[in-house]
Amino acid sequence: MVTGREQFTAWAWAVGLTRPNAAAELMDHGFTPDVLDTLIEDKPARSLLRTGHDVQHVIYGLYQAATPRRTAD
């Protein structure tokens, strides 16, 4: 079982200690730090967060990446 301290450490490493609100928002959406390797606009979500991109933009990108694309019949 993952402790709160371990979870905080994982998120702090993932988004940087200067973005605790970003970590909280991502956690509220049910994301885990491992999804931050997901590419959004050809960059890992982790990089976008660390360089100051808006967390809502990253959350939207993560949802978009998780949604299967439909093809025309």
C-alpha atoms as a PDB file:
ATOM      1  CA  MET A   1       0.000   0.000   0.000  1.00  0.00           C
ATOM      2  CA  VAL A   2       1.285   3.459  -0.918  1.00  0.00           C
ATOM      3  CA  THR A   3       1.487   5.904   1.960  1.00  0.00           C
ATOM      4  CA  GLY A   4       0.543   9.561   1.757  1.00  0.00           C
ATOM      5  CA  ARG A   5       4.201  10.500   2.076  1.00  0.00           C
ATOM      6  CA  GLU A   6       5.180   8.206  -0.820  1.00  0.00           C
ATOM      7  CA  GLN A   7       2.376   9.599  -2.951  1.00  0.00           C
ATOM      8  CA  PHE A   8       3.431  13.168  -2.167  1.00  0.00           C
ATOM      9  CA  THR A   9       7.047  12.331  -3.004  1.00  0.00           C
ATOM     10  CA  ALA A  10       6.001  10.863  -6.368  1.00  0.00           C
ATOM     11  CA  TRP A  11       3.898  13.883  -7.271  1.00  0.00           C
ATOM     12  CA  ALA A  12       6.507  16.363  -6.034  1.00  0.00           C
ATOM     13  CA  TRP A  13       9.083  14.737  -8.280  1.00  0.00           C
ATOM     14  CA  ALA A  14       6.630  14.604 -11.189  1.00  0.00           C
ATOM     15  CA  VAL A  15       5.434  18.199 -11.184  1.00  0.00           C
ATOM     16  CA  GLY A  16       8.070  19.957  -9.108  1.00  0.00           C
ATOM     17  CA  LEU A  17       7.732  21.240  -5.587  1.00  0.00           C
ATOM     18  CA  THR A  18       6.663  24.656  -6.846  1.00  0.00           C
ATOM     19  CA  ARG A  19       3.392  23.223  -8.242  1.00  0.00           C
ATOM     20  CA  PRO A  20       1.546  21.619  -5.299  1.00  0.00           C
ATOM     21  CA  ASN A  21      -1.796  22.889  -6.632  1.00  0.00           C
ATOM     22  CA  ALA A  22      -1.141  21.199  -9.975  1.00  0.00           C
ATOM     23  CA  ALA A  23      -0.516  17.916  -8.204  1.00  0.00           C
ATOM     24  CA  ALA A  24      -3.736  18.305  -6.214  1.00  0.00           C
ATOM     25  CA  GLU A  25      -5.785  19.009  -9.346  1.00  0.00           C
ATOM     26  CA  LEU A  26      -4.317  16.016 -11.174  1.00  0.00           C
ATOM     27  CA  MET A  27      -5.003  13.799  -8.173  1.00  0.00           C
ATOM     28  CA  ASP A  28      -8.590  15.109  -7.993  1.00  0.00           C
ATOM     29  CA  HIS A  29      -9.053  13.911 -11.576  1.00  0.00           C
ATOM     30  CA  GLY A  30      -7.779  10.470 -10.629  1.00  0.00           C
ATOM     31  CA  PHE A  31      -4.460  10.698 -12.441  1.00  0.00           C
ATOM     32  CA  THR A  32      -1.316   9.067 -11.112  1.00  0.00           C
ATOM     33  CA  PRO A  33       2.243  10.322 -11.676  1.00  0.00           C
ATOM     34  CA  ASP A  34       2.951   7.629 -14.280  1.00  0.00           C
ATOM     35  CA  VAL A  35       0.552   9.240 -16.790  1.00  0.00           C
ATOM     36  CA  LEU A  36       2.777  12.301 -16.914  1.00  0.00           C
ATOM     37  CA  ASP A  37       4.918  10.573 -19.540  1.00  0.00           C
ATOM     38  CA  THR A  38       1.930  10.969 -21.900  1.00  0.00           C
ATOM     39  CA  LEU A  39       2.739  13.164 -24.880  1.00  0.00           C
ATOM     40  CA  ILE A  40       0.725  16.341 -25.275  1.00  0.00           C
ATOM     41  CA  GLU A  41       1.668  18.455 -28.279  1.00  0.00           C
ATOM     42  CA  ASP A  42       4.724  16.211 -28.734  1.00  0.00           C
ATOM     43  CA  LYS A  43       5.981  16.902 -25.207  1.00  0.00           C
ATOM     44  CA  PRO A  44       5.576  14.835 -22.048  1.00  0.00           C
ATOM     45  CA  ALA A  45       2.909  16.207 -19.729  1.00  0.00           C
ATOM     46  CA  ARG A  46       5.562  16.283 -16.998  1.00  0.00           C
ATOM     47  CA  SER A  47       7.663  18.732 -19.037  1.00  0.00           C
ATOM     48  CA  LEU A  48       4.692  20.976 -19.702  1.00  0.00           C
ATOM     49  CA  LEU A  49       3.919  21.193 -15.988  1.00  0.00           C
ATOM     50  CA  ARG A  50       7.531  21.788 -15.011  1.00  0.00           C
ATOM     51  CA  THR A  51       7.801  24.666 -17.475  1.00  0.00           C
ATOM     52  CA  GLY A  52       4.698  26.399 -16.155  1.00  0.00           C
ATOM     53  CA  HIS A  53       1.938  25.343 -18.555  1.00  0.00           C
ATOM     54  CA  ASP A  54      -1.574  25.650 -17.190  1.00  0.00           C
ATOM     55  CA  VAL A  55      -2.612  22.492 -15.361  1.00  0.00           C
ATOM     56  CA  GLN A  56      -6.077  22.591 -16.965  1.00  0.00           C
ATOM     57  CA  HIS A  57      -4.438  22.450 -20.393  1.00  0.00           C
ATOM     58  CA  VAL A  58      -2.446  19.397 -19.296  1.00  0.00           C
ATOM     59  CA  ILE A  59      -5.530  17.723 -17.794  1.00  0.00           C
ATOM     60  CA  TYR A  60      -7.423  18.285 -21.051  1.00  0.00           C
ATOM     61  CA  GLY A  61      -4.507  16.815 -23.004  1.00  0.00           C
ATOM     62  CA  LEU A  62      -4.384  13.758 -20.748  1.00  0.00           C
ATOM     63  CA  TYR A  63      -8.092  13.137 -21.256  1.00  0.00           C
ATOM     64  CA  GLN A  64      -7.696  13.591 -25.010  1.00  0.00           C
ATOM     65  CA  ALA A  65      -4.821  11.098 -25.097  1.00  0.00           C
ATOM     66  CA  ALA A  66      -6.880   8.555 -23.146  1.00  0.00           C
ATOM     67  CA  THR A  67      -9.889   8.818 -25.464  1.00  0.00           C
ATOM     68  CA  PRO A  68      -9.770   6.385 -28.399  1.00  0.00           C
ATOM     69  CA  ARG A  69     -10.007   8.100 -31.740  1.00  0.00           C
ATOM     70  CA  ARG A  70     -12.933   7.116 -33.920  1.00  0.00           C
ATOM     71  CA  THR A  71     -12.475   6.408 -37.557  1.00  0.00           C
ATOM     72  CA  ALA A  72     -15.056   7.000 -40.242  1.00  0.00           C
ATOM     73  CA  ASP A  73     -16.873   3.875 -41.446  1.00  0.00           C
END
